[in-house]
Amino acid sequence: MTSTPNTASIDSYDIKRLMGQTRKLAADYRRETGHVLPVTEELARFDAVNILGLRKVDSAEGIDARDNLNSNDSNDVGYLIKGRVIFKGGKARQKLGKLSLNTTWNRLLMVIYDSDYLPIQVYSVDREIIDNEMAHVNQDKRGSMTVAKYKAIGKLVWSSE
């Protein structure tokens, strides 16, 4: 007789605990190998939703979360969420990465992490401001700006201090 896995235990993970373990694993891996595990974006989505009380969106293309708890309200803000870990001694001009400029998000949330993958700041930048800045950026940069630039044009909405 073969045994089948208990599917109830598969669905009952404590996501908060898993994310904590992910942070520790990513930080330990970076310290041991000097390489970065690609987990920052998922941590950023998890943290922004929980810190700011947003509603995570699974099906909307190009939108990670909404601020309105009423899923039928088309007037709520759609957020694109990005994350960046700032390592001591890292690059001076760190970039956030390319944004999905052809989707319908209204606001960018940038979650900044320390070397232990713990959130230290969250910045919010309106889409209009980003579109105006991108209009002045050389096309070779492929829609990316530095973290410092996003901080300069955005608003600090949360800090761990």
C-alpha atoms as a PDB file:
ATOM      1  CA  MET A   1       0.000   0.000   0.000  1.00  0.00           C
ATOM      2  CA  THR A   2       1.432   3.376  -1.009  1.00  0.00           C
ATOM      3  CA  SER A   3       0.911   6.446   1.039  1.00  0.00           C
ATOM      4  CA  THR A   4      -0.158   9.765  -0.406  1.00  0.00           C
ATOM      5  CA  PRO A   5       1.100  13.068   0.904  1.00  0.00           C
ATOM      6  CA  ASN A   6      -1.185  14.911   3.246  1.00  0.00           C
ATOM      7  CA  THR A   7      -2.351  17.827   1.077  1.00  0.00           C
ATOM      8  CA  ALA A   8      -3.761  19.650   4.095  1.00  0.00           C
ATOM      9  CA  SER A   9      -0.237  20.147   5.460  1.00  0.00           C
ATOM     10  CA  ILE A  10       0.966  21.479   2.084  1.00  0.00           C
ATOM     11  CA  ASP A  11      -1.644  24.243   2.139  1.00  0.00           C
ATOM     12  CA  SER A  12      -1.116  25.202   5.766  1.00  0.00           C
ATOM     13  CA  TYR A  13       2.255  26.946   5.621  1.00  0.00           C
ATOM     14  CA  ASP A  14       2.665  30.005   7.796  1.00  0.00           C
ATOM     15  CA  ILE A  15       3.657  32.507   5.090  1.00  0.00           C
ATOM     16  CA  LYS A  16       5.042  35.019   7.599  1.00  0.00           C
ATOM     17  CA  ARG A  17       7.330  32.336   9.024  1.00  0.00           C
ATOM     18  CA  LEU A  18       8.394  31.202   5.535  1.00  0.00           C
ATOM     19  CA  MET A  19       9.281  34.750   4.576  1.00  0.00           C
ATOM     20  CA  GLY A  20      11.373  35.048   7.742  1.00  0.00           C
ATOM     21  CA  GLN A  21      13.220  31.859   6.808  1.00  0.00           C
ATOM     22  CA  THR A  22      13.665  33.182   3.259  1.00  0.00           C
ATOM     23  CA  ARG A  23      15.263  36.369   4.616  1.00  0.00           C
ATOM     24  CA  LYS A  24      17.699  34.365   6.749  1.00  0.00           C
ATOM     25  CA  LEU A  25      18.559  31.969   3.914  1.00  0.00           C
ATOM     26  CA  ALA A  26      19.143  34.819   1.431  1.00  0.00           C
ATOM     27  CA  ALA A  27      21.334  36.767   3.890  1.00  0.00           C
ATOM     28  CA  ASP A  28      23.345  33.671   4.851  1.00  0.00           C
ATOM     29  CA  TYR A  29      23.757  32.693   1.203  1.00  0.00           C
ATOM     30  CA  ARG A  30      25.034  36.186   0.315  1.00  0.00           C
ATOM     31  CA  ARG A  31      27.518  36.135   3.201  1.00  0.00           C
ATOM     32  CA  GLU A  32      28.818  32.661   2.297  1.00  0.00           C
ATOM     33  CA  THR A  33      28.965  32.919  -1.506  1.00  0.00           C
ATOM     34  CA  GLY A  34      28.931  36.623  -2.350  1.00  0.00           C
ATOM     35  CA  HIS A  35      25.974  35.960  -4.658  1.00  0.00           C
ATOM     36  CA  VAL A  36      22.388  37.098  -4.313  1.00  0.00           C
ATOM     37  CA  LEU A  37      19.349  34.812  -4.340  1.00  0.00           C
ATOM     38  CA  PRO A  38      16.509  36.202  -6.512  1.00  0.00           C
ATOM     39  CA  VAL A  39      13.970  36.599  -3.700  1.00  0.00           C
ATOM     40  CA  THR A  40      13.863  40.372  -3.218  1.00  0.00           C
ATOM     41  CA  GLU A  41      10.837  41.028  -5.455  1.00  0.00           C
ATOM     42  CA  GLU A  42       8.635  38.491  -3.662  1.00  0.00           C
ATOM     43  CA  LEU A  43       9.775  39.773  -0.258  1.00  0.00           C
ATOM     44  CA  ALA A  44       9.008  43.323  -1.418  1.00  0.00           C
ATOM     45  CA  ARG A  45       5.470  42.384  -2.456  1.00  0.00           C
ATOM     46  CA  PHE A  46       4.890  40.569   0.841  1.00  0.00           C
ATOM     47  CA  ASP A  47       6.314  43.394   2.960  1.00  0.00           C
ATOM     48  CA  ALA A  48       4.629  46.287   1.139  1.00  0.00           C
ATOM     49  CA  VAL A  49       1.228  44.599   1.363  1.00  0.00           C
ATOM     50  CA  ASN A  50       1.632  43.880   5.078  1.00  0.00           C
ATOM     51  CA  ILE A  51       3.334  47.110   6.147  1.00  0.00           C
ATOM     52  CA  LEU A  52       0.936  49.408   4.282  1.00  0.00           C
ATOM     53  CA  GLY A  53      -2.236  47.325   4.641  1.00  0.00           C
ATOM     54  CA  LEU A  54      -2.741  46.769   0.921  1.00  0.00           C
ATOM     55  CA  ARG A  55      -4.671  44.047  -0.872  1.00  0.00           C
ATOM     56  CA  LYS A  56      -2.419  41.695  -2.871  1.00  0.00           C
ATOM     57  CA  VAL A  57      -3.592  41.194  -6.441  1.00  0.00           C
ATOM     58  CA  ASP A  58      -2.853  37.880  -8.106  1.00  0.00           C
ATOM     59  CA  SER A  59      -4.592  38.212 -11.437  1.00  0.00           C
ATOM     60  CA  ALA A  60      -4.109  41.804 -12.588  1.00  0.00           C
ATOM     61  CA  GLU A  61      -1.287  41.949 -15.090  1.00  0.00           C
ATOM     62  CA  GLY A  62       1.360  44.459 -14.076  1.00  0.00           C
ATOM     63  CA  ILE A  63      -0.257  45.326 -10.745  1.00  0.00           C
ATOM     64  CA  ASP A  64       0.973  43.765  -7.511  1.00  0.00           C
ATOM     65  CA  ALA A  65      -1.492  45.298  -5.033  1.00  0.00           C
ATOM     66  CA  ARG A  66      -4.397  47.681  -4.577  1.00  0.00           C
ATOM     67  CA  ASP A  67      -5.134  49.990  -1.676  1.00  0.00           C
ATOM     68  CA  ASN A  68      -8.890  49.529  -1.619  1.00  0.00           C
ATOM     69  CA  LEU A  69     -10.341  46.490   0.135  1.00  0.00           C
ATOM     70  CA  ASN A  70     -13.385  46.572  -2.135  1.00  0.00           C
ATOM     71  CA  SER A  71     -12.332  44.469  -5.124  1.00  0.00           C
ATOM     72  CA  ASN A  72     -15.201  45.902  -7.211  1.00  0.00           C
ATOM     73  CA  ASP A  73     -14.066  49.519  -6.930  1.00  0.00           C
ATOM     74  CA  SER A  74     -12.280  50.566 -10.115  1.00  0.00           C
ATOM     75  CA  ASN A  75     -11.152  53.858  -8.521  1.00  0.00           C
ATOM     76  CA  ASP A  76      -8.602  52.308  -6.176  1.00  0.00           C
ATOM     77  CA  VAL A  77      -4.863  52.740  -6.740  1.00  0.00           C
ATOM     78  CA  GLY A  78      -2.900  49.972  -8.465  1.00  0.00           C
ATOM     79  CA  TYR A  79       0.651  49.496  -7.161  1.00  0.00           C
ATOM     80  CA  LEU A  80       3.737  48.147  -8.841  1.00  0.00           C
ATOM     81  CA  ILE A  81       6.079  46.911  -6.101  1.00  0.00           C
ATOM     82  CA  LYS A  82       9.856  46.656  -6.431  1.00  0.00           C
ATOM     83  CA  GLY A  83      12.566  45.910  -3.907  1.00  0.00           C
ATOM     84  CA  ARG A  84      16.273  46.550  -3.561  1.00  0.00           C
ATOM     85  CA  VAL A  85      18.778  45.277  -1.001  1.00  0.00           C
ATOM     86  CA  ILE A  86      21.463  47.796  -0.085  1.00  0.00           C
ATOM     87  CA  PHE A  87      24.697  46.011   0.825  1.00  0.00           C
ATOM     88  CA  LYS A  88      27.508  47.858   2.587  1.00  0.00           C
ATOM     89  CA  GLY A  89      30.339  48.403   0.159  1.00  0.00           C
ATOM     90  CA  GLY A  90      28.040  47.752  -2.806  1.00  0.00           C
ATOM     91  CA  LYS A  91      27.695  49.788  -5.965  1.00  0.00           C
ATOM     92  CA  ALA A  92      27.302  53.502  -5.392  1.00  0.00           C
ATOM     93  CA  ARG A  93      24.694  53.925  -8.145  1.00  0.00           C
ATOM     94  CA  GLN A  94      22.356  51.004  -7.590  1.00  0.00           C
ATOM     95  CA  LYS A  95      19.453  50.693 -10.006  1.00  0.00           C
ATOM     96  CA  LEU A  96      15.980  49.525  -9.224  1.00  0.00           C
ATOM     97  CA  GLY A  97      15.503  47.757 -12.524  1.00  0.00           C
ATOM     98  CA  LYS A  98      13.191  48.106 -15.480  1.00  0.00           C
ATOM     99  CA  LEU A  99       9.580  49.016 -14.798  1.00  0.00           C
ATOM    100  CA  SER A 100       6.583  47.709 -16.716  1.00  0.00           C
ATOM    101  CA  LEU A 101       5.651  50.986 -18.380  1.00  0.00           C
ATOM    102  CA  ASN A 102       3.015  49.427 -20.638  1.00  0.00           C
ATOM    103  CA  THR A 103       0.730  48.299 -17.780  1.00  0.00           C
ATOM    104  CA  THR A 104      -1.901  50.177 -15.783  1.00  0.00           C
ATOM    105  CA  TRP A 105      -0.327  50.701 -12.350  1.00  0.00           C
ATOM    106  CA  ASN A 106      -0.755  54.135 -10.723  1.00  0.00           C
ATOM    107  CA  ARG A 107       2.008  54.177  -8.147  1.00  0.00           C
ATOM    108  CA  LEU A 108       5.382  52.522  -7.601  1.00  0.00           C
ATOM    109  CA  LEU A 109       6.324  51.266  -4.160  1.00  0.00           C
ATOM    110  CA  MET A 110      10.051  50.767  -3.639  1.00  0.00           C
ATOM    111  CA  VAL A 111      10.981  48.655  -0.612  1.00  0.00           C
ATOM    112  CA  ILE A 112      14.565  49.142   0.557  1.00  0.00           C
ATOM    113  CA  TYR A 113      16.232  46.307   2.517  1.00  0.00           C
ATOM    114  CA  ASP A 114      19.311  46.017   4.684  1.00  0.00           C
ATOM    115  CA  SER A 115      21.834  43.209   4.198  1.00  0.00           C
ATOM    116  CA  ASP A 116      19.705  40.889   6.357  1.00  0.00           C
ATOM    117  CA  TYR A 117      16.785  41.378   3.936  1.00  0.00           C
ATOM    118  CA  LEU A 118      14.808  43.290   6.543  1.00  0.00           C
ATOM    119  CA  PRO A 119      12.763  46.226   5.230  1.00  0.00           C
ATOM    120  CA  ILE A 120      14.108  49.606   6.323  1.00  0.00           C
ATOM    121  CA  GLN A 121      12.174  52.025   4.087  1.00  0.00           C
ATOM    122  CA  VAL A 122       9.276  52.145   1.664  1.00  0.00           C
ATOM    123  CA  TYR A 123       9.027  54.933  -0.914  1.00  0.00           C
ATOM    124  CA  SER A 124       6.016  55.778  -3.045  1.00  0.00           C
ATOM    125  CA  VAL A 125       6.273  57.450  -6.457  1.00  0.00           C
ATOM    126  CA  ASP A 126       3.295  58.458  -8.603  1.00  0.00           C
ATOM    127  CA  ARG A 127       3.208  57.108 -12.127  1.00  0.00           C
ATOM    128  CA  GLU A 128       2.962  60.599 -13.665  1.00  0.00           C
ATOM    129  CA  ILE A 129       6.212  61.650 -12.002  1.00  0.00           C
ATOM    130  CA  ILE A 130       7.976  58.525 -13.272  1.00  0.00           C
ATOM    131  CA  ASP A 131       6.597  59.002 -16.796  1.00  0.00           C
ATOM    132  CA  ASN A 132       7.871  62.616 -16.812  1.00  0.00           C
ATOM    133  CA  GLU A 133      11.322  61.526 -15.594  1.00  0.00           C
ATOM    134  CA  MET A 134      11.480  58.682 -18.125  1.00  0.00           C
ATOM    135  CA  ALA A 135      10.725  61.125 -20.939  1.00  0.00           C
ATOM    136  CA  HIS A 136      14.034  62.824 -20.122  1.00  0.00           C
ATOM    137  CA  VAL A 137      16.082  59.627 -19.762  1.00  0.00           C
ATOM    138  CA  ASN A 138      18.231  58.274 -22.572  1.00  0.00           C
ATOM    139  CA  GLN A 139      16.456  55.338 -24.274  1.00  0.00           C
ATOM    140  CA  ASP A 140      19.595  53.193 -23.802  1.00  0.00           C
ATOM    141  CA  LYS A 141      18.804  53.018 -20.087  1.00  0.00           C
ATOM    142  CA  ARG A 142      15.739  50.857 -20.817  1.00  0.00           C
ATOM    143  CA  GLY A 143      13.384  52.468 -18.356  1.00  0.00           C
ATOM    144  CA  SER A 144      15.504  52.166 -15.237  1.00  0.00           C
ATOM    145  CA  MET A 145      16.692  54.812 -12.819  1.00  0.00           C
ATOM    146  CA  THR A 146      18.873  54.728  -9.738  1.00  0.00           C
ATOM    147  CA  VAL A 147      17.504  54.056  -6.269  1.00  0.00           C
ATOM    148  CA  ALA A 148      18.704  57.544  -5.285  1.00  0.00           C
ATOM    149  CA  LYS A 149      16.649  59.093  -8.107  1.00  0.00           C
ATOM    150  CA  TYR A 150      13.480  57.249  -7.020  1.00  0.00           C
ATOM    151  CA  LYS A 151      14.087  58.461  -3.462  1.00  0.00           C
ATOM    152  CA  ALA A 152      14.511  62.033  -4.723  1.00  0.00           C
ATOM    153  CA  ILE A 153      11.282  62.048  -6.746  1.00  0.00           C
ATOM    154  CA  GLY A 154       9.285  59.883  -4.328  1.00  0.00           C
ATOM    155  CA  LYS A 155       7.884  60.162  -0.852  1.00  0.00           C
ATOM    156  CA  LEU A 156       9.014  58.142   2.170  1.00  0.00           C
ATOM    157  CA  VAL A 157       5.817  56.397   3.363  1.00  0.00           C
ATOM    158  CA  TRP A 158       7.311  54.024   5.941  1.00  0.00           C
ATOM    159  CA  SER A 159      10.555  53.664   7.857  1.00  0.00           C
ATOM    160  CA  SER A 160      11.715  51.076  10.371  1.00  0.00           C
ATOM    161  CA  GLU A 161      13.140  53.876  12.558  1.00  0.00           C
END
